[in-house]
Amino acid sequence: MTADDVYVLMQFCCNKAQQGYLPPDKFNLVINVGMRSWISYILGDFQQYRPGRPIANIELGNNEVVRQRIAPTIYGYILNVNPITGISPYPGDYIQTDTMYSIYGHKRIRYAENTRLDSMYNSKIDPIATNPIYLLEDTNFQFYPETIWQAKLRYVKDPPDIHWGYTLDGNGRPIYDPSTSVDPIFDNTVMLEIIVRSLKIVGTNLQLEAVMQYANDVKNLGQ
């Protein structure tokens, strides 16, 4: 889907639900709120956790399908680690770590919870000199041993905002402008789920099946 496809479909859904006109600027706001709501859900929304079972119903590591859906936002990055402090800042668009590996080969660097730092740092079975660890802090990774120098990070990044760009015609009506628009990076299946979430923000509560039917209607009508 292009940004225009998404906007036309949401406009169509709002009209069908008698919610009135969806202005472009409001669309540009709600579609991105809906997109990030979906990302939070697919990564493992903490509201889904239950006492004694801190695992969401849906999260990144669940299965191949979940991973495939979020794949357009997973990127590789080489971290440069301060050899004195062991600190490396997060990438500017960082959301969540996928994997962390040594710069050489495919040796995984283990994540350490703060409460387990002492035991992992002083472990005789898995010494950090040969089995490095990292902690998550407010704006950076903390590595042990500090002299690790570099690490290979794969992470979920914040996606670019979807944007329906437009110009105004002689009557002041917005006309789609592809040159200033930003299309979604997700496939059509994911975008339909994001649209459902976005429609709820504007007060249009439709199930996925209804939105899929409306998408077919729009396609058949050639809008």
C-alpha atoms as a PDB file:
ATOM      1  CA  MET A   1       0.000   0.000   0.000  1.00  0.00           C
ATOM      2  CA  THR A   2       1.049   3.566  -0.663  1.00  0.00           C
ATOM      3  CA  ALA A   3       0.246   6.367   1.752  1.00  0.00           C
ATOM      4  CA  ASP A   4      -2.548   7.330  -0.638  1.00  0.00           C
ATOM      5  CA  ASP A   5      -4.003   3.800  -0.592  1.00  0.00           C
ATOM      6  CA  VAL A   6      -4.088   3.901   3.206  1.00  0.00           C
ATOM      7  CA  TYR A   7      -5.656   7.350   3.339  1.00  0.00           C
ATOM      8  CA  VAL A   8      -8.321   6.531   0.757  1.00  0.00           C
ATOM      9  CA  LEU A   9      -9.241   3.328   2.605  1.00  0.00           C
ATOM     10  CA  MET A  10      -9.463   5.067   5.982  1.00  0.00           C
ATOM     11  CA  GLN A  11     -11.546   7.836   4.431  1.00  0.00           C
ATOM     12  CA  PHE A  12     -13.834   5.218   2.897  1.00  0.00           C
ATOM     13  CA  CYS A  13     -14.213   3.416   6.247  1.00  0.00           C
ATOM     14  CA  CYS A  14     -15.019   6.667   8.056  1.00  0.00           C
ATOM     15  CA  ASN A  15     -17.651   7.532   5.470  1.00  0.00           C
ATOM     16  CA  LYS A  16     -19.219   4.082   5.738  1.00  0.00           C
ATOM     17  CA  ALA A  17     -19.376   4.442   9.509  1.00  0.00           C
ATOM     18  CA  GLN A  18     -20.794   7.961   9.112  1.00  0.00           C
ATOM     19  CA  GLN A  19     -17.858   9.461  10.979  1.00  0.00           C
ATOM     20  CA  GLY A  20     -17.481  12.291   8.506  1.00  0.00           C
ATOM     21  CA  TYR A  21     -14.405  13.670   6.754  1.00  0.00           C
ATOM     22  CA  LEU A  22     -10.907  12.657   7.901  1.00  0.00           C
ATOM     23  CA  PRO A  23      -8.588  15.645   7.286  1.00  0.00           C
ATOM     24  CA  PRO A  24      -5.078  14.835   5.987  1.00  0.00           C
ATOM     25  CA  ASP A  25      -3.299  16.231   9.045  1.00  0.00           C
ATOM     26  CA  LYS A  26      -5.455  14.141  11.374  1.00  0.00           C
ATOM     27  CA  PHE A  27      -4.819  11.080   9.213  1.00  0.00           C
ATOM     28  CA  ASN A  28      -1.057  11.678   9.368  1.00  0.00           C
ATOM     29  CA  LEU A  29      -1.307  11.783  13.156  1.00  0.00           C
ATOM     30  CA  VAL A  30      -3.569   8.802  13.843  1.00  0.00           C
ATOM     31  CA  ILE A  31      -1.982   6.403  11.319  1.00  0.00           C
ATOM     32  CA  ASN A  32       1.384   6.789  13.031  1.00  0.00           C
ATOM     33  CA  VAL A  33      -0.114   6.384  16.491  1.00  0.00           C
ATOM     34  CA  GLY A  34      -1.823   3.235  15.199  1.00  0.00           C
ATOM     35  CA  MET A  35       1.442   1.977  13.681  1.00  0.00           C
ATOM     36  CA  ARG A  36       3.377   2.383  16.914  1.00  0.00           C
ATOM     37  CA  SER A  37       0.539   0.824  18.884  1.00  0.00           C
ATOM     38  CA  TRP A  38       0.791  -2.212  16.604  1.00  0.00           C
ATOM     39  CA  ILE A  39       4.590  -2.350  17.014  1.00  0.00           C
ATOM     40  CA  SER A  40       4.218  -2.252  20.796  1.00  0.00           C
ATOM     41  CA  TYR A  41       1.740  -5.127  20.598  1.00  0.00           C
ATOM     42  CA  ILE A  42       3.877  -7.266  18.290  1.00  0.00           C
ATOM     43  CA  LEU A  43       7.012  -6.752  20.404  1.00  0.00           C
ATOM     44  CA  GLY A  44       5.200  -7.876  23.556  1.00  0.00           C
ATOM     45  CA  ASP A  45       2.960  -5.284  25.146  1.00  0.00           C
ATOM     46  CA  PHE A  46       3.632  -5.392  28.897  1.00  0.00           C
ATOM     47  CA  GLN A  47      -0.090  -4.937  29.633  1.00  0.00           C
ATOM     48  CA  GLN A  48      -0.520  -8.525  28.420  1.00  0.00           C
ATOM     49  CA  TYR A  49       1.735  -9.927  31.169  1.00  0.00           C
ATOM     50  CA  ARG A  50       0.170 -12.030  33.877  1.00  0.00           C
ATOM     51  CA  PRO A  51       1.466 -12.544  37.452  1.00  0.00           C
ATOM     52  CA  GLY A  52       4.060 -15.303  37.495  1.00  0.00           C
ATOM     53  CA  ARG A  53       4.257 -15.398  33.689  1.00  0.00           C
ATOM     54  CA  PRO A  54       6.030 -12.302  32.315  1.00  0.00           C
ATOM     55  CA  ILE A  55       5.440 -13.306  28.690  1.00  0.00           C
ATOM     56  CA  ALA A  56       3.017 -11.577  26.343  1.00  0.00           C
ATOM     57  CA  ASN A  57       0.593 -13.511  24.149  1.00  0.00           C
ATOM     58  CA  ILE A  58       2.380 -12.041  21.136  1.00  0.00           C
ATOM     59  CA  GLU A  59       6.028 -10.966  21.167  1.00  0.00           C
ATOM     60  CA  LEU A  60       9.065 -10.850  18.903  1.00  0.00           C
ATOM     61  CA  GLY A  61      10.475 -14.271  19.759  1.00  0.00           C
ATOM     62  CA  ASN A  62       7.189 -16.208  19.616  1.00  0.00           C
ATOM     63  CA  ASN A  63       7.444 -17.634  16.114  1.00  0.00           C
ATOM     64  CA  GLU A  64       8.503 -17.058  12.525  1.00  0.00           C
ATOM     65  CA  VAL A  65       5.236 -15.324  11.558  1.00  0.00           C
ATOM     66  CA  VAL A  66       5.606 -12.665  14.256  1.00  0.00           C
ATOM     67  CA  ARG A  67       9.227 -12.070  13.285  1.00  0.00           C
ATOM     68  CA  GLN A  68       8.369 -11.837   9.589  1.00  0.00           C
ATOM     69  CA  ARG A  69       5.807  -9.127  10.256  1.00  0.00           C
ATOM     70  CA  ILE A  70       8.229  -6.941  12.185  1.00  0.00           C
ATOM     71  CA  ALA A  71      11.200  -7.743   9.894  1.00  0.00           C
ATOM     72  CA  PRO A  72      11.073  -4.446   7.918  1.00  0.00           C
ATOM     73  CA  THR A  73      12.127  -2.627  11.095  1.00  0.00           C
ATOM     74  CA  ILE A  74      15.021  -4.943  12.070  1.00  0.00           C
ATOM     75  CA  TYR A  75      18.423  -3.493  11.199  1.00  0.00           C
ATOM     76  CA  GLY A  76      22.074  -4.371  11.755  1.00  0.00           C
ATOM     77  CA  TYR A  77      24.477  -1.949  13.422  1.00  0.00           C
ATOM     78  CA  ILE A  78      28.076  -1.967  14.626  1.00  0.00           C
ATOM     79  CA  LEU A  79      28.405  -0.565  18.142  1.00  0.00           C
ATOM     80  CA  ASN A  80      31.620   1.186  19.126  1.00  0.00           C
ATOM     81  CA  VAL A  81      32.209   0.595  22.823  1.00  0.00           C
ATOM     82  CA  ASN A  82      34.196   2.956  25.041  1.00  0.00           C
ATOM     83  CA  PRO A  83      37.118   0.727  26.163  1.00  0.00           C
ATOM     84  CA  ILE A  84      37.308   2.448  29.561  1.00  0.00           C
ATOM     85  CA  THR A  85      33.651   2.666  30.601  1.00  0.00           C
ATOM     86  CA  GLY A  86      32.234  -0.189  28.492  1.00  0.00           C
ATOM     87  CA  ILE A  87      29.413   2.109  27.380  1.00  0.00           C
ATOM     88  CA  SER A  88      27.910   2.415  23.902  1.00  0.00           C
ATOM     89  CA  PRO A  89      24.926   4.707  23.165  1.00  0.00           C
ATOM     90  CA  TYR A  90      21.768   3.326  21.593  1.00  0.00           C
ATOM     91  CA  PRO A  91      21.259   4.090  17.891  1.00  0.00           C
ATOM     92  CA  GLY A  92      19.069   7.174  17.518  1.00  0.00           C
ATOM     93  CA  ASP A  93      16.078   5.152  16.246  1.00  0.00           C
ATOM     94  CA  TYR A  94      16.489   2.238  18.680  1.00  0.00           C
ATOM     95  CA  ILE A  95      13.386   0.569  20.128  1.00  0.00           C
ATOM     96  CA  GLN A  96      14.411  -2.934  21.217  1.00  0.00           C
ATOM     97  CA  THR A  97      17.337  -5.329  20.962  1.00  0.00           C
ATOM     98  CA  ASP A  98      16.933  -8.338  18.721  1.00  0.00           C
ATOM     99  CA  THR A  99      20.368  -9.973  19.061  1.00  0.00           C
ATOM    100  CA  MET A 100      23.846  -8.963  20.199  1.00  0.00           C
ATOM    101  CA  TYR A 101      26.998 -10.697  18.935  1.00  0.00           C
ATOM    102  CA  SER A 102      30.745 -10.397  19.153  1.00  0.00           C
ATOM    103  CA  ILE A 103      32.295  -8.423  16.325  1.00  0.00           C
ATOM    104  CA  TYR A 104      34.202 -11.567  15.352  1.00  0.00           C
ATOM    105  CA  GLY A 105      32.268 -14.660  14.289  1.00  0.00           C
ATOM    106  CA  HIS A 106      28.842 -15.489  15.688  1.00  0.00           C
ATOM    107  CA  LYS A 107      29.466 -15.656  19.425  1.00  0.00           C
ATOM    108  CA  ARG A 108      26.470 -14.239  21.236  1.00  0.00           C
ATOM    109  CA  ILE A 109      26.843 -11.568  23.902  1.00  0.00           C
ATOM    110  CA  ARG A 110      24.465 -12.363  26.730  1.00  0.00           C
ATOM    111  CA  TYR A 111      21.914  -9.961  28.161  1.00  0.00           C
ATOM    112  CA  ALA A 112      22.246  -9.537  31.947  1.00  0.00           C
ATOM    113  CA  GLU A 113      19.467  -8.306  34.200  1.00  0.00           C
ATOM    114  CA  ASN A 114      20.684  -5.726  36.692  1.00  0.00           C
ATOM    115  CA  THR A 115      19.715  -7.971  39.585  1.00  0.00           C
ATOM    116  CA  ARG A 116      21.934 -10.750  38.191  1.00  0.00           C
ATOM    117  CA  LEU A 117      24.960  -8.615  37.355  1.00  0.00           C
ATOM    118  CA  ASP A 118      26.970  -9.659  40.398  1.00  0.00           C
ATOM    119  CA  SER A 119      26.569 -13.411  39.810  1.00  0.00           C
ATOM    120  CA  MET A 120      27.201 -13.196  36.072  1.00  0.00           C
ATOM    121  CA  TYR A 121      30.123 -10.806  36.434  1.00  0.00           C
ATOM    122  CA  ASN A 122      31.849 -13.062  38.979  1.00  0.00           C
ATOM    123  CA  SER A 123      30.908 -16.396  37.430  1.00  0.00           C
ATOM    124  CA  LYS A 124      33.700 -18.978  37.341  1.00  0.00           C
ATOM    125  CA  ILE A 125      31.754 -21.184  34.920  1.00  0.00           C
ATOM    126  CA  ASP A 126      31.090 -18.472  32.321  1.00  0.00           C
ATOM    127  CA  PRO A 127      33.762 -15.827  32.894  1.00  0.00           C
ATOM    128  CA  ILE A 128      32.951 -12.535  31.204  1.00  0.00           C
ATOM    129  CA  ALA A 129      36.439 -12.401  29.666  1.00  0.00           C
ATOM    130  CA  THR A 130      35.361 -15.112  27.220  1.00  0.00           C
ATOM    131  CA  ASN A 131      31.564 -14.795  27.569  1.00  0.00           C
ATOM    132  CA  PRO A 132      30.768 -11.049  27.577  1.00  0.00           C
ATOM    133  CA  ILE A 133      27.515  -9.616  28.891  1.00  0.00           C
ATOM    134  CA  TYR A 134      25.584  -6.387  28.450  1.00  0.00           C
ATOM    135  CA  LEU A 135      23.041  -4.417  30.460  1.00  0.00           C
ATOM    136  CA  LEU A 136      20.349  -2.028  29.264  1.00  0.00           C
ATOM    137  CA  GLU A 137      20.503   1.467  30.726  1.00  0.00           C
ATOM    138  CA  ASP A 138      18.511   4.624  30.046  1.00  0.00           C
ATOM    139  CA  THR A 139      20.323   5.719  26.870  1.00  0.00           C
ATOM    140  CA  ASN A 140      23.068   3.169  26.373  1.00  0.00           C
ATOM    141  CA  PHE A 141      24.349  -0.392  26.586  1.00  0.00           C
ATOM    142  CA  GLN A 142      26.777  -1.259  29.383  1.00  0.00           C
ATOM    143  CA  PHE A 143      29.224  -4.014  28.408  1.00  0.00           C
ATOM    144  CA  TYR A 144      31.403  -6.268  30.555  1.00  0.00           C
ATOM    145  CA  PRO A 145      34.283  -6.631  30.143  1.00  0.00           C
ATOM    146  CA  GLU A 146      34.566  -2.956  29.368  1.00  0.00           C
ATOM    147  CA  THR A 147      37.336  -3.544  26.826  1.00  0.00           C
ATOM    148  CA  ILE A 148      35.096  -5.306  24.319  1.00  0.00           C
ATOM    149  CA  TRP A 149      35.639  -2.422  21.814  1.00  0.00           C
ATOM    150  CA  GLN A 150      32.866  -3.349  19.379  1.00  0.00           C
ATOM    151  CA  ALA A 151      29.700  -5.457  19.109  1.00  0.00           C
ATOM    152  CA  LYS A 152      27.255  -6.431  16.360  1.00  0.00           C
ATOM    153  CA  LEU A 153      23.723  -5.355  17.209  1.00  0.00           C
ATOM    154  CA  ARG A 154      20.506  -6.283  15.444  1.00  0.00           C
ATOM    155  CA  TYR A 155      17.660  -4.156  16.710  1.00  0.00           C
ATOM    156  CA  VAL A 156      14.097  -3.052  16.080  1.00  0.00           C
ATOM    157  CA  LYS A 157      14.170   0.546  14.879  1.00  0.00           C
ATOM    158  CA  ASP A 158      11.495   3.195  15.018  1.00  0.00           C
ATOM    159  CA  PRO A 159      10.005   3.201  11.491  1.00  0.00           C
ATOM    160  CA  PRO A 160       9.675   6.369   9.416  1.00  0.00           C
ATOM    161  CA  ASP A 161       6.350   8.158   9.813  1.00  0.00           C
ATOM    162  CA  ILE A 162       3.727   7.430   7.174  1.00  0.00           C
ATOM    163  CA  HIS A 163       2.839  10.745   5.560  1.00  0.00           C
ATOM    164  CA  TRP A 164       0.121  11.693   3.076  1.00  0.00           C
ATOM    165  CA  GLY A 165       1.552  14.740   1.367  1.00  0.00           C
ATOM    166  CA  TYR A 166      -0.714  17.116  -0.496  1.00  0.00           C
ATOM    167  CA  THR A 167      -1.131  20.395  -2.310  1.00  0.00           C
ATOM    168  CA  LEU A 168      -4.285  22.512  -2.464  1.00  0.00           C
ATOM    169  CA  ASP A 169      -6.305  22.915  -5.641  1.00  0.00           C
ATOM    170  CA  GLY A 170      -8.037  26.129  -6.711  1.00  0.00           C
ATOM    171  CA  ASN A 171     -10.875  25.445  -4.276  1.00  0.00           C
ATOM    172  CA  GLY A 172      -8.575  24.810  -1.316  1.00  0.00           C
ATOM    173  CA  ARG A 173      -9.089  21.039  -1.393  1.00  0.00           C
ATOM    174  CA  PRO A 174      -6.114  18.769  -0.634  1.00  0.00           C
ATOM    175  CA  ILE A 175      -4.753  16.835  -3.624  1.00  0.00           C
ATOM    176  CA  TYR A 176      -2.394  13.891  -3.110  1.00  0.00           C
ATOM    177  CA  ASP A 177       1.254  14.745  -3.766  1.00  0.00           C
ATOM    178  CA  PRO A 178       3.442  11.611  -4.046  1.00  0.00           C
ATOM    179  CA  SER A 179       6.619  13.712  -4.094  1.00  0.00           C
ATOM    180  CA  THR A 180       6.099  14.795  -0.466  1.00  0.00           C
ATOM    181  CA  SER A 181       4.508  11.560   0.769  1.00  0.00           C
ATOM    182  CA  VAL A 182       6.144   8.727   2.706  1.00  0.00           C
ATOM    183  CA  ASP A 183       4.768   5.235   2.075  1.00  0.00           C
ATOM    184  CA  PRO A 184       4.481   2.517   4.748  1.00  0.00           C
ATOM    185  CA  ILE A 185       7.347   0.043   5.050  1.00  0.00           C
ATOM    186  CA  PHE A 186       5.018  -2.784   6.111  1.00  0.00           C
ATOM    187  CA  ASP A 187       3.164  -5.199   3.829  1.00  0.00           C
ATOM    188  CA  ASN A 188      -0.564  -5.008   3.126  1.00  0.00           C
ATOM    189  CA  THR A 189      -1.520  -7.578   5.768  1.00  0.00           C
ATOM    190  CA  VAL A 190       0.190  -5.611   8.518  1.00  0.00           C
ATOM    191  CA  MET A 191      -1.167  -2.318   7.218  1.00  0.00           C
ATOM    192  CA  LEU A 192      -4.733  -3.587   7.484  1.00  0.00           C
ATOM    193  CA  GLU A 193      -4.119  -4.357  11.158  1.00  0.00           C
ATOM    194  CA  ILE A 194      -2.597  -0.905  11.656  1.00  0.00           C
ATOM    195  CA  ILE A 195      -5.586   0.696   9.914  1.00  0.00           C
ATOM    196  CA  VAL A 196      -7.983  -1.092  12.285  1.00  0.00           C
ATOM    197  CA  ARG A 197      -6.100   0.362  15.257  1.00  0.00           C
ATOM    198  CA  SER A 198      -5.961   3.822  13.686  1.00  0.00           C
ATOM    199  CA  LEU A 199      -9.692   3.831  12.934  1.00  0.00           C
ATOM    200  CA  LYS A 200     -10.444   3.139  16.598  1.00  0.00           C
ATOM    201  CA  ILE A 201      -8.571   6.326  17.506  1.00  0.00           C
ATOM    202  CA  VAL A 202     -10.983   8.368  15.373  1.00  0.00           C
ATOM    203  CA  GLY A 203     -13.979   6.518  16.804  1.00  0.00           C
ATOM    204  CA  THR A 204     -14.580   4.005  14.013  1.00  0.00           C
ATOM    205  CA  ASN A 205     -14.639   0.533  15.548  1.00  0.00           C
ATOM    206  CA  LEU A 206     -14.368  -1.987  12.738  1.00  0.00           C
ATOM    207  CA  GLN A 207     -13.129  -5.562  12.763  1.00  0.00           C
ATOM    208  CA  LEU A 208     -10.281  -6.598  10.480  1.00  0.00           C
ATOM    209  CA  GLU A 209     -12.649  -8.561   8.235  1.00  0.00           C
ATOM    210  CA  ALA A 210     -14.785  -5.458   7.612  1.00  0.00           C
ATOM    211  CA  VAL A 211     -11.745  -3.349   6.732  1.00  0.00           C
ATOM    212  CA  MET A 212     -10.545  -6.064   4.346  1.00  0.00           C
ATOM    213  CA  GLN A 213     -13.953  -6.022   2.654  1.00  0.00           C
ATOM    214  CA  TYR A 214     -13.855  -2.231   2.381  1.00  0.00           C
ATOM    215  CA  ALA A 215     -10.362  -2.496   0.872  1.00  0.00           C
ATOM    216  CA  ASN A 216     -11.783  -4.777  -1.820  1.00  0.00           C
ATOM    217  CA  ASP A 217     -14.678  -2.359  -2.364  1.00  0.00           C
ATOM    218  CA  VAL A 218     -12.272   0.546  -2.840  1.00  0.00           C
ATOM    219  CA  LYS A 219     -10.211  -1.510  -5.276  1.00  0.00           C
ATOM    220  CA  ASN A 220     -13.285  -2.516  -7.274  1.00  0.00           C
ATOM    221  CA  LEU A 221     -14.536   1.070  -7.366  1.00  0.00           C
ATOM    222  CA  GLY A 222     -11.140   2.211  -8.628  1.00  0.00           C
ATOM    223  CA  GLN A 223     -10.757   4.888  -5.978  1.00  0.00           C
END
